[in-house]
Amino acid sequence: MVLDLVVIGTAITLGPLHNSAFILLLSARSGVRLGLAFLLSWLANLVAVIAVVVLLTGGQPPVRHSTPSTAAIAAKLAIGLGLVLYGAHRRRRPPRPHGPPRWAARIDNASWVTAAGVAWLLQPWGLVGAGAATALKANLSTAGDWLALAGYCLLATLSLIVMEMYAVWAPAAANSRLNALRNWLGRHQEQLIITLSLLAGLWLMAVSIYQLVT
């Protein structure tokens, strides 16, 4: 479970779309506050999904090869296959170039509600679903599994935490360097999306197939 959560959390935190949007929010007049609203909404979404899983299982993992256990593995397999197909599709037929999102033009007047809503919209729900399916294995009677789930949520938020802290501690340097990072992400967005989709999808498929046949 821990290795799966590390892979999924890393794929989530490296996603270019939400990182670019977050940097754009940080460049606004109230950028630090907007960034904090985005970050907290992002983290709250992850925690809420894990909390629902824990409530459903009662903190005890389903018996191996039982119907709930098999269903969770099958869900991960389906998500992995979907990610691979999505990555392959974008590689063959990249989307047409488009300008910045409409809300970007009103960034200086954005509210914390808008920032929190953007975080919810940009969450990679397929990967979040894979994380939820993995969290079904958590046994909350052990401290290690509590730490694994908490670490997953923090890892999936790590890029946002680092950029928010950078903007607080060194605003002048952060503004120029983070905007340079956003430009780089914009130029390499397709490659990053395709690579992350294929790698995460292949990992989920391989692990799920192994768990189903053993």
C-alpha atoms as a PDB file:
ATOM      1  CA  MET A   1       0.000   0.000   0.000  1.00  0.00           C
ATOM      2  CA  VAL A   2       2.717   2.470   0.940  1.00  0.00           C
ATOM      3  CA  LEU A   3       4.572   2.182  -2.373  1.00  0.00           C
ATOM      4  CA  ASP A   4       1.329   2.578  -4.336  1.00  0.00           C
ATOM      5  CA  LEU A   5       0.454   5.711  -2.348  1.00  0.00           C
ATOM      6  CA  VAL A   6       3.920   7.152  -2.986  1.00  0.00           C
ATOM      7  CA  VAL A   7       3.586   6.610  -6.738  1.00  0.00           C
ATOM      8  CA  ILE A   8       0.064   8.055  -6.850  1.00  0.00           C
ATOM      9  CA  GLY A   9       0.923  10.999  -4.600  1.00  0.00           C
ATOM     10  CA  THR A  10       3.985  11.832  -6.699  1.00  0.00           C
ATOM     11  CA  ALA A  11       1.972  11.715  -9.927  1.00  0.00           C
ATOM     12  CA  ILE A  12      -0.624  14.038  -8.390  1.00  0.00           C
ATOM     13  CA  THR A  13       1.832  16.603  -7.049  1.00  0.00           C
ATOM     14  CA  LEU A  14       3.777  16.826 -10.335  1.00  0.00           C
ATOM     15  CA  GLY A  15       0.718  17.558 -12.483  1.00  0.00           C
ATOM     16  CA  PRO A  16       1.345  20.670 -14.591  1.00  0.00           C
ATOM     17  CA  LEU A  17      -2.217  22.017 -14.741  1.00  0.00           C
ATOM     18  CA  HIS A  18      -2.821  22.714 -11.074  1.00  0.00           C
ATOM     19  CA  ASN A  19       0.755  23.903 -10.529  1.00  0.00           C
ATOM     20  CA  SER A  20       0.435  26.445 -13.358  1.00  0.00           C
ATOM     21  CA  ALA A  21      -2.908  27.656 -11.989  1.00  0.00           C
ATOM     22  CA  PHE A  22      -1.452  27.943  -8.493  1.00  0.00           C
ATOM     23  CA  ILE A  23       1.468  30.052  -9.701  1.00  0.00           C
ATOM     24  CA  LEU A  24      -0.985  32.286 -11.541  1.00  0.00           C
ATOM     25  CA  LEU A  25      -2.936  32.781  -8.315  1.00  0.00           C
ATOM     26  CA  LEU A  26       0.249  33.603  -6.418  1.00  0.00           C
ATOM     27  CA  SER A  27       0.982  36.386  -8.931  1.00  0.00           C
ATOM     28  CA  ALA A  28      -2.245  38.216  -8.032  1.00  0.00           C
ATOM     29  CA  ARG A  29      -2.422  41.169  -5.613  1.00  0.00           C
ATOM     30  CA  SER A  30      -3.583  38.911  -2.771  1.00  0.00           C
ATOM     31  CA  GLY A  31      -1.617  35.998  -4.116  1.00  0.00           C
ATOM     32  CA  VAL A  32      -0.524  34.478  -0.812  1.00  0.00           C
ATOM     33  CA  ARG A  33      -4.109  34.407   0.506  1.00  0.00           C
ATOM     34  CA  LEU A  34      -5.477  33.020  -2.751  1.00  0.00           C
ATOM     35  CA  GLY A  35      -2.713  30.429  -2.825  1.00  0.00           C
ATOM     36  CA  LEU A  36      -3.516  29.407   0.736  1.00  0.00           C
ATOM     37  CA  ALA A  37      -7.217  29.008  -0.130  1.00  0.00           C
ATOM     38  CA  PHE A  38      -6.282  26.863  -3.145  1.00  0.00           C
ATOM     39  CA  LEU A  39      -3.840  24.787  -1.091  1.00  0.00           C
ATOM     40  CA  LEU A  40      -6.268  24.175   1.780  1.00  0.00           C
ATOM     41  CA  SER A  41      -9.083  23.257  -0.612  1.00  0.00           C
ATOM     42  CA  TRP A  42      -6.777  20.858  -2.463  1.00  0.00           C
ATOM     43  CA  LEU A  43      -5.658  19.206   0.780  1.00  0.00           C
ATOM     44  CA  ALA A  44      -9.194  19.115   2.184  1.00  0.00           C
ATOM     45  CA  ASN A  45     -10.418  17.288  -0.923  1.00  0.00           C
ATOM     46  CA  LEU A  46      -7.758  14.610  -0.493  1.00  0.00           C
ATOM     47  CA  VAL A  47      -8.436  14.227   3.222  1.00  0.00           C
ATOM     48  CA  ALA A  48     -12.201  14.065   2.654  1.00  0.00           C
ATOM     49  CA  VAL A  49     -11.843  11.227   0.134  1.00  0.00           C
ATOM     50  CA  ILE A  50      -9.616   9.246   2.513  1.00  0.00           C
ATOM     51  CA  ALA A  51     -12.017   9.938   5.391  1.00  0.00           C
ATOM     52  CA  VAL A  52     -14.931   8.513   3.378  1.00  0.00           C
ATOM     53  CA  VAL A  53     -12.897   5.371   2.662  1.00  0.00           C
ATOM     54  CA  VAL A  54     -12.035   4.982   6.348  1.00  0.00           C
ATOM     55  CA  LEU A  55     -15.679   5.409   7.339  1.00  0.00           C
ATOM     56  CA  LEU A  56     -16.716   2.737   4.840  1.00  0.00           C
ATOM     57  CA  THR A  57     -14.120   0.220   6.022  1.00  0.00           C
ATOM     58  CA  GLY A  58     -14.181   1.096   9.707  1.00  0.00           C
ATOM     59  CA  GLY A  59     -10.399   1.314   9.550  1.00  0.00           C
ATOM     60  CA  GLN A  60     -10.064  -2.399   8.828  1.00  0.00           C
ATOM     61  CA  PRO A  61      -8.933  -3.642   5.399  1.00  0.00           C
ATOM     62  CA  PRO A  62     -11.276  -6.061   3.609  1.00  0.00           C
ATOM     63  CA  VAL A  63     -10.310  -9.716   3.540  1.00  0.00           C
ATOM     64  CA  ARG A  64      -8.028 -10.560   0.642  1.00  0.00           C
ATOM     65  CA  HIS A  65      -9.886 -11.879  -2.425  1.00  0.00           C
ATOM     66  CA  SER A  66     -13.214 -10.865  -0.895  1.00  0.00           C
ATOM     67  CA  THR A  67     -15.710  -8.978  -3.056  1.00  0.00           C
ATOM     68  CA  PRO A  68     -14.773  -5.498  -1.672  1.00  0.00           C
ATOM     69  CA  SER A  69     -11.053  -6.229  -2.028  1.00  0.00           C
ATOM     70  CA  THR A  70     -11.432  -7.483  -5.600  1.00  0.00           C
ATOM     71  CA  ALA A  71     -13.674  -4.549  -6.505  1.00  0.00           C
ATOM     72  CA  ALA A  72     -11.066  -2.069  -5.228  1.00  0.00           C
ATOM     73  CA  ILE A  73      -8.315  -3.747  -7.252  1.00  0.00           C
ATOM     74  CA  ALA A  74     -10.536  -3.833 -10.330  1.00  0.00           C
ATOM     75  CA  ALA A  75     -11.228  -0.111  -9.884  1.00  0.00           C
ATOM     76  CA  LYS A  76      -7.478   0.605  -9.782  1.00  0.00           C
ATOM     77  CA  LEU A  77      -7.004  -1.515 -12.889  1.00  0.00           C
ATOM     78  CA  ALA A  78      -9.747   0.415 -14.707  1.00  0.00           C
ATOM     79  CA  ILE A  79      -8.250   3.750 -13.665  1.00  0.00           C
ATOM     80  CA  GLY A  80      -4.800   2.620 -14.788  1.00  0.00           C
ATOM     81  CA  LEU A  81      -6.155   1.500 -18.154  1.00  0.00           C
ATOM     82  CA  GLY A  82      -8.009   4.790 -18.510  1.00  0.00           C
ATOM     83  CA  LEU A  83      -4.827   6.767 -17.801  1.00  0.00           C
ATOM     84  CA  VAL A  84      -2.847   4.770 -20.358  1.00  0.00           C
ATOM     85  CA  LEU A  85      -5.529   5.237 -23.012  1.00  0.00           C
ATOM     86  CA  TYR A  86      -5.796   8.942 -22.184  1.00  0.00           C
ATOM     87  CA  GLY A  87      -2.022   9.408 -22.436  1.00  0.00           C
ATOM     88  CA  ALA A  88      -1.880   7.486 -25.716  1.00  0.00           C
ATOM     89  CA  HIS A  89      -4.777   9.511 -27.125  1.00  0.00           C
ATOM     90  CA  ARG A  90      -3.167  12.831 -26.234  1.00  0.00           C
ATOM     91  CA  ARG A  91       0.100  11.644 -27.747  1.00  0.00           C
ATOM     92  CA  ARG A  92      -1.586  10.816 -31.054  1.00  0.00           C
ATOM     93  CA  ARG A  93      -3.975  13.758 -31.090  1.00  0.00           C
ATOM     94  CA  PRO A  94      -2.755  16.642 -28.937  1.00  0.00           C
ATOM     95  CA  PRO A  95      -5.442  19.237 -28.192  1.00  0.00           C
ATOM     96  CA  ARG A  96      -5.494  22.479 -30.120  1.00  0.00           C
ATOM     97  CA  PRO A  97      -3.558  25.372 -28.576  1.00  0.00           C
ATOM     98  CA  HIS A  98      -5.719  27.592 -26.434  1.00  0.00           C
ATOM     99  CA  GLY A  99      -5.224  30.724 -24.391  1.00  0.00           C
ATOM    100  CA  PRO A 100      -5.284  31.059 -20.613  1.00  0.00           C
ATOM    101  CA  PRO A 101      -8.539  30.188 -18.812  1.00  0.00           C
ATOM    102  CA  ARG A 102     -11.207  32.891 -18.584  1.00  0.00           C
ATOM    103  CA  TRP A 103     -10.792  33.341 -14.859  1.00  0.00           C
ATOM    104  CA  ALA A 104      -7.105  34.242 -15.390  1.00  0.00           C
ATOM    105  CA  ALA A 105      -8.113  37.624 -16.842  1.00  0.00           C
ATOM    106  CA  ARG A 106      -9.875  38.459 -13.560  1.00  0.00           C
ATOM    107  CA  ILE A 107      -7.175  37.048 -11.317  1.00  0.00           C
ATOM    108  CA  ASP A 108      -6.587  40.264  -9.360  1.00  0.00           C
ATOM    109  CA  ASN A 109     -10.264  40.374  -8.388  1.00  0.00           C
ATOM    110  CA  ALA A 110     -10.541  36.678  -7.591  1.00  0.00           C
ATOM    111  CA  SER A 111     -11.916  35.684  -4.191  1.00  0.00           C
ATOM    112  CA  TRP A 112     -10.779  32.897  -1.922  1.00  0.00           C
ATOM    113  CA  VAL A 113     -13.945  31.020  -2.917  1.00  0.00           C
ATOM    114  CA  THR A 114     -12.852  31.148  -6.551  1.00  0.00           C
ATOM    115  CA  ALA A 115      -9.368  29.917  -5.636  1.00  0.00           C
ATOM    116  CA  ALA A 116     -10.825  27.048  -3.600  1.00  0.00           C
ATOM    117  CA  GLY A 117     -13.194  26.146  -6.443  1.00  0.00           C
ATOM    118  CA  VAL A 118     -10.392  26.104  -9.002  1.00  0.00           C
ATOM    119  CA  ALA A 119      -8.494  23.659  -6.772  1.00  0.00           C
ATOM    120  CA  TRP A 120     -11.512  21.354  -6.709  1.00  0.00           C
ATOM    121  CA  LEU A 121     -11.917  21.537 -10.493  1.00  0.00           C
ATOM    122  CA  LEU A 122      -8.232  20.867 -11.213  1.00  0.00           C
ATOM    123  CA  GLN A 123      -7.879  17.931  -8.837  1.00  0.00           C
ATOM    124  CA  PRO A 124      -6.908  14.849 -10.902  1.00  0.00           C
ATOM    125  CA  TRP A 125      -9.892  12.816  -9.749  1.00  0.00           C
ATOM    126  CA  GLY A 126      -8.801   9.650 -11.532  1.00  0.00           C
ATOM    127  CA  LEU A 127      -5.591   9.503  -9.514  1.00  0.00           C
ATOM    128  CA  VAL A 128      -7.442  10.556  -6.370  1.00  0.00           C
ATOM    129  CA  GLY A 129      -9.797   7.641  -6.974  1.00  0.00           C
ATOM    130  CA  ALA A 130      -6.812   5.306  -7.319  1.00  0.00           C
ATOM    131  CA  GLY A 131      -5.516   6.623  -4.007  1.00  0.00           C
ATOM    132  CA  ALA A 132      -8.891   5.950  -2.405  1.00  0.00           C
ATOM    133  CA  ALA A 133      -8.938   2.383  -3.750  1.00  0.00           C
ATOM    134  CA  THR A 134      -5.446   1.867  -2.348  1.00  0.00           C
ATOM    135  CA  ALA A 135      -6.435   3.329   1.030  1.00  0.00           C
ATOM    136  CA  LEU A 136      -8.973   0.506   1.441  1.00  0.00           C
ATOM    137  CA  LYS A 137      -6.021  -1.624   2.533  1.00  0.00           C
ATOM    138  CA  ALA A 138      -5.256   0.668   5.480  1.00  0.00           C
ATOM    139  CA  ASN A 139      -5.407  -0.873   8.931  1.00  0.00           C
ATOM    140  CA  LEU A 140      -5.897   2.073  11.253  1.00  0.00           C
ATOM    141  CA  SER A 141      -5.095   0.024  14.323  1.00  0.00           C
ATOM    142  CA  THR A 142      -1.439   0.528  13.362  1.00  0.00           C
ATOM    143  CA  ALA A 143       0.393   3.852  13.511  1.00  0.00           C
ATOM    144  CA  GLY A 144       2.246   3.054  10.302  1.00  0.00           C
ATOM    145  CA  ASP A 145      -0.903   3.092   8.182  1.00  0.00           C
ATOM    146  CA  TRP A 146      -2.037   6.371   9.753  1.00  0.00           C
ATOM    147  CA  LEU A 147       1.324   7.858   8.804  1.00  0.00           C
ATOM    148  CA  ALA A 148       1.095   6.388   5.294  1.00  0.00           C
ATOM    149  CA  LEU A 149      -2.285   8.018   4.651  1.00  0.00           C
ATOM    150  CA  ALA A 150      -1.187  11.350   6.119  1.00  0.00           C
ATOM    151  CA  GLY A 151       2.041  11.202   4.117  1.00  0.00           C
ATOM    152  CA  TYR A 152       0.103  10.495   0.921  1.00  0.00           C
ATOM    153  CA  CYS A 153      -2.091  13.568   1.397  1.00  0.00           C
ATOM    154  CA  LEU A 154       0.933  15.746   2.130  1.00  0.00           C
ATOM    155  CA  LEU A 155       2.951  14.316  -0.766  1.00  0.00           C
ATOM    156  CA  ALA A 156       0.079  15.001  -3.185  1.00  0.00           C
ATOM    157  CA  THR A 157       0.096  18.617  -1.919  1.00  0.00           C
ATOM    158  CA  LEU A 158       3.868  19.016  -1.639  1.00  0.00           C
ATOM    159  CA  SER A 159       4.442  21.182  -4.721  1.00  0.00           C
ATOM    160  CA  LEU A 160       1.789  23.646  -3.534  1.00  0.00           C
ATOM    161  CA  ILE A 161       3.208  23.761  -0.002  1.00  0.00           C
ATOM    162  CA  VAL A 162       6.714  24.475  -1.297  1.00  0.00           C
ATOM    163  CA  MET A 163       5.559  27.261  -3.636  1.00  0.00           C
ATOM    164  CA  GLU A 164       3.320  28.836  -0.970  1.00  0.00           C
ATOM    165  CA  MET A 165       6.156  28.898   1.566  1.00  0.00           C
ATOM    166  CA  TYR A 166       8.540  30.308  -1.045  1.00  0.00           C
ATOM    167  CA  ALA A 167       6.076  33.107  -1.851  1.00  0.00           C
ATOM    168  CA  VAL A 168       5.773  33.939   1.858  1.00  0.00           C
ATOM    169  CA  TRP A 169       9.473  33.912   2.685  1.00  0.00           C
ATOM    170  CA  ALA A 170      10.926  35.452  -0.494  1.00  0.00           C
ATOM    171  CA  PRO A 171       8.117  37.167  -2.437  1.00  0.00           C
ATOM    172  CA  ALA A 172      10.336  39.112  -4.852  1.00  0.00           C
ATOM    173  CA  ALA A 173      12.460  36.129  -5.870  1.00  0.00           C
ATOM    174  CA  ALA A 174       9.439  33.811  -5.880  1.00  0.00           C
ATOM    175  CA  ASN A 175       7.511  36.000  -8.287  1.00  0.00           C
ATOM    176  CA  SER A 176      10.148  35.895 -11.035  1.00  0.00           C
ATOM    177  CA  ARG A 177      11.214  32.283 -10.527  1.00  0.00           C
ATOM    178  CA  LEU A 178       7.722  30.860 -10.213  1.00  0.00           C
ATOM    179  CA  ASN A 179       6.591  32.722 -13.319  1.00  0.00           C
ATOM    180  CA  ALA A 180       9.586  31.258 -15.152  1.00  0.00           C
ATOM    181  CA  LEU A 181       8.478  27.839 -13.902  1.00  0.00           C
ATOM    182  CA  ARG A 182       4.939  28.488 -15.141  1.00  0.00           C
ATOM    183  CA  ASN A 183       6.260  29.391 -18.584  1.00  0.00           C
ATOM    184  CA  TRP A 184       8.306  26.183 -18.627  1.00  0.00           C
ATOM    185  CA  LEU A 185       5.278  24.147 -17.556  1.00  0.00           C
ATOM    186  CA  GLY A 186       3.244  25.779 -20.312  1.00  0.00           C
ATOM    187  CA  ARG A 187       5.822  24.823 -22.947  1.00  0.00           C
ATOM    188  CA  HIS A 188       6.101  21.228 -21.714  1.00  0.00           C
ATOM    189  CA  GLN A 189       2.545  20.679 -20.518  1.00  0.00           C
ATOM    190  CA  GLU A 190       1.648  18.043 -23.091  1.00  0.00           C
ATOM    191  CA  GLN A 191       4.798  16.015 -22.541  1.00  0.00           C
ATOM    192  CA  LEU A 192       4.275  16.094 -18.780  1.00  0.00           C
ATOM    193  CA  ILE A 193       0.623  15.077 -18.966  1.00  0.00           C
ATOM    194  CA  ILE A 194       1.365  12.224 -21.358  1.00  0.00           C
ATOM    195  CA  THR A 195       4.360  10.973 -19.361  1.00  0.00           C
ATOM    196  CA  LEU A 196       2.600  11.096 -15.987  1.00  0.00           C
ATOM    197  CA  SER A 197      -0.541   9.470 -17.391  1.00  0.00           C
ATOM    198  CA  LEU A 198       1.378   6.615 -19.017  1.00  0.00           C
ATOM    199  CA  LEU A 199       3.718   5.961 -16.106  1.00  0.00           C
ATOM    200  CA  ALA A 200       1.032   6.108 -13.420  1.00  0.00           C
ATOM    201  CA  GLY A 201      -1.393   4.117 -15.567  1.00  0.00           C
ATOM    202  CA  LEU A 202       1.113   1.363 -16.331  1.00  0.00           C
ATOM    203  CA  TRP A 203       2.072   1.139 -12.661  1.00  0.00           C
ATOM    204  CA  LEU A 204      -1.549   0.816 -11.530  1.00  0.00           C
ATOM    205  CA  MET A 205      -2.272  -1.783 -14.185  1.00  0.00           C
ATOM    206  CA  ALA A 206       0.797  -3.872 -13.353  1.00  0.00           C
ATOM    207  CA  VAL A 207       0.168  -3.802  -9.604  1.00  0.00           C
ATOM    208  CA  SER A 208      -3.551  -4.509  -9.987  1.00  0.00           C
ATOM    209  CA  ILE A 209      -3.031  -7.463 -12.333  1.00  0.00           C
ATOM    210  CA  TYR A 210      -0.426  -8.925  -9.975  1.00  0.00           C
ATOM    211  CA  GLN A 211      -2.806  -8.593  -7.018  1.00  0.00           C
ATOM    212  CA  LEU A 212      -5.665 -10.192  -8.919  1.00  0.00           C
ATOM    213  CA  VAL A 213      -3.698 -13.258  -9.983  1.00  0.00           C
ATOM    214  CA  THR A 214      -1.819 -13.897  -6.728  1.00  0.00           C
END
